[in-house]
């Protein structure tokens, strides 16, 4: 797993918190609204987190962003 940037960490934390609060993953639009960025900008961060091995996508839903098993037990800011 490569180190993530502070902004990537913020998006990852938002995804985890959203899952905890609502028991479903956020959409790109919800991520964009939370960070005042476009949907495309949110998609960029999601794909960066996929490349870093922090999240993965499930193909069965629009709300398909999930933290990977590796990332759940670690402190991302220490990567």
C-alpha atoms as a PDB file:
ATOM      1  CA  UNK A   1       0.000   0.000   0.000  1.00  0.00           C
ATOM      2  CA  UNK A   2       1.427   3.370  -1.010  1.00  0.00           C
ATOM      3  CA  UNK A   3       1.137   6.420   1.208  1.00  0.00           C
ATOM      4  CA  UNK A   4      -1.952   8.523   0.736  1.00  0.00           C
ATOM      5  CA  UNK A   5      -2.122  12.305   0.690  1.00  0.00           C
ATOM      6  CA  UNK A   6      -3.959  14.300   3.367  1.00  0.00           C
ATOM      7  CA  UNK A   7      -6.798  15.011   0.918  1.00  0.00           C
ATOM      8  CA  UNK A   8      -7.085  11.319   0.005  1.00  0.00           C
ATOM      9  CA  UNK A   9      -7.152  10.508   3.714  1.00  0.00           C
ATOM     10  CA  UNK A  10      -9.986  13.016   4.211  1.00  0.00           C
ATOM     11  CA  UNK A  11     -12.024  11.400   1.424  1.00  0.00           C
ATOM     12  CA  UNK A  12     -11.289   7.925   2.807  1.00  0.00           C
ATOM     13  CA  UNK A  13     -12.355   9.034   6.303  1.00  0.00           C
ATOM     14  CA  UNK A  14     -15.543  10.514   4.876  1.00  0.00           C
ATOM     15  CA  UNK A  15     -16.350   7.231   3.115  1.00  0.00           C
ATOM     16  CA  UNK A  16     -15.767   5.229   6.303  1.00  0.00           C
ATOM     17  CA  UNK A  17     -17.823   7.644   8.419  1.00  0.00           C
ATOM     18  CA  UNK A  18     -20.648   7.665   5.864  1.00  0.00           C
ATOM     19  CA  UNK A  19     -20.714   3.857   5.934  1.00  0.00           C
ATOM     20  CA  UNK A  20     -20.843   3.876   9.725  1.00  0.00           C
ATOM     21  CA  UNK A  21     -23.597   6.511   9.846  1.00  0.00           C
ATOM     22  CA  UNK A  22     -25.861   5.327   7.027  1.00  0.00           C
ATOM     23  CA  UNK A  23     -24.836   1.677   6.495  1.00  0.00           C
ATOM     24  CA  UNK A  24     -24.297   2.361   2.799  1.00  0.00           C
ATOM     25  CA  UNK A  25     -21.481   3.922   0.846  1.00  0.00           C
ATOM     26  CA  UNK A  26     -21.676   7.486  -0.465  1.00  0.00           C
ATOM     27  CA  UNK A  27     -22.189   8.309  -4.108  1.00  0.00           C
ATOM     28  CA  UNK A  28     -19.680  10.421  -6.026  1.00  0.00           C
ATOM     29  CA  UNK A  29     -22.161  13.291  -5.802  1.00  0.00           C
ATOM     30  CA  UNK A  30     -22.297  13.067  -1.998  1.00  0.00           C
ATOM     31  CA  UNK A  31     -18.511  12.978  -1.791  1.00  0.00           C
ATOM     32  CA  UNK A  32     -18.331  15.984  -4.107  1.00  0.00           C
ATOM     33  CA  UNK A  33     -20.838  17.939  -2.039  1.00  0.00           C
ATOM     34  CA  UNK A  34     -18.965  17.168   1.180  1.00  0.00           C
ATOM     35  CA  UNK A  35     -15.690  18.501  -0.254  1.00  0.00           C
ATOM     36  CA  UNK A  36     -17.091  21.214  -2.540  1.00  0.00           C
ATOM     37  CA  UNK A  37     -15.738  19.507  -5.648  1.00  0.00           C
ATOM     38  CA  UNK A  38     -17.357  18.202  -8.806  1.00  0.00           C
ATOM     39  CA  UNK A  39     -18.579  14.660  -9.251  1.00  0.00           C
ATOM     40  CA  UNK A  40     -15.615  14.122 -11.580  1.00  0.00           C
ATOM     41  CA  UNK A  41     -13.281  15.378  -8.856  1.00  0.00           C
ATOM     42  CA  UNK A  42     -14.816  12.931  -6.400  1.00  0.00           C
ATOM     43  CA  UNK A  43     -14.388  10.138  -8.946  1.00  0.00           C
ATOM     44  CA  UNK A  44     -10.714  11.109  -9.283  1.00  0.00           C
ATOM     45  CA  UNK A  45     -10.188  10.684  -5.534  1.00  0.00           C
ATOM     46  CA  UNK A  46     -12.078   7.385  -5.461  1.00  0.00           C
ATOM     47  CA  UNK A  47      -9.866   6.023  -8.241  1.00  0.00           C
ATOM     48  CA  UNK A  48      -6.725   7.264  -6.477  1.00  0.00           C
ATOM     49  CA  UNK A  49      -7.842   5.384  -3.354  1.00  0.00           C
ATOM     50  CA  UNK A  50      -8.432   2.272  -5.474  1.00  0.00           C
ATOM     51  CA  UNK A  51      -4.908   2.576  -6.896  1.00  0.00           C
ATOM     52  CA  UNK A  52      -3.540   2.893  -3.361  1.00  0.00           C
ATOM     53  CA  UNK A  53      -5.393  -0.275  -2.295  1.00  0.00           C
ATOM     54  CA  UNK A  54      -7.496   1.541   0.309  1.00  0.00           C
ATOM     55  CA  UNK A  55     -10.948   1.061  -1.237  1.00  0.00           C
ATOM     56  CA  UNK A  56     -12.486  -1.228  -3.819  1.00  0.00           C
ATOM     57  CA  UNK A  57     -15.626  -1.098  -5.942  1.00  0.00           C
ATOM     58  CA  UNK A  58     -18.416  -3.618  -5.988  1.00  0.00           C
ATOM     59  CA  UNK A  59     -20.135  -4.021  -9.329  1.00  0.00           C
ATOM     60  CA  UNK A  60     -23.624  -4.681  -8.000  1.00  0.00           C
ATOM     61  CA  UNK A  61     -24.647  -1.178  -6.950  1.00  0.00           C
ATOM     62  CA  UNK A  62     -24.325   2.555  -7.494  1.00  0.00           C
ATOM     63  CA  UNK A  63     -23.254   2.817  -3.856  1.00  0.00           C
ATOM     64  CA  UNK A  64     -20.345   0.497  -4.457  1.00  0.00           C
ATOM     65  CA  UNK A  65     -17.332   1.997  -2.641  1.00  0.00           C
ATOM     66  CA  UNK A  66     -15.983  -0.214   0.138  1.00  0.00           C
ATOM     67  CA  UNK A  67     -12.816  -0.005   2.271  1.00  0.00           C
ATOM     68  CA  UNK A  68     -10.503  -2.934   1.663  1.00  0.00           C
ATOM     69  CA  UNK A  69      -9.786  -5.456   4.399  1.00  0.00           C
ATOM     70  CA  UNK A  70      -6.201  -4.160   4.570  1.00  0.00           C
ATOM     71  CA  UNK A  71      -7.300  -0.603   5.254  1.00  0.00           C
ATOM     72  CA  UNK A  72      -9.832  -1.323   7.999  1.00  0.00           C
ATOM     73  CA  UNK A  73      -7.370  -2.282  10.697  1.00  0.00           C
ATOM     74  CA  UNK A  74      -4.761   0.377   9.929  1.00  0.00           C
ATOM     75  CA  UNK A  75      -4.294   4.038  10.655  1.00  0.00           C
ATOM     76  CA  UNK A  76      -4.229   5.577   7.143  1.00  0.00           C
ATOM     77  CA  UNK A  77      -2.469   8.737   8.282  1.00  0.00           C
ATOM     78  CA  UNK A  78       0.528   6.560   9.226  1.00  0.00           C
ATOM     79  CA  UNK A  79       0.896   4.939   5.810  1.00  0.00           C
END
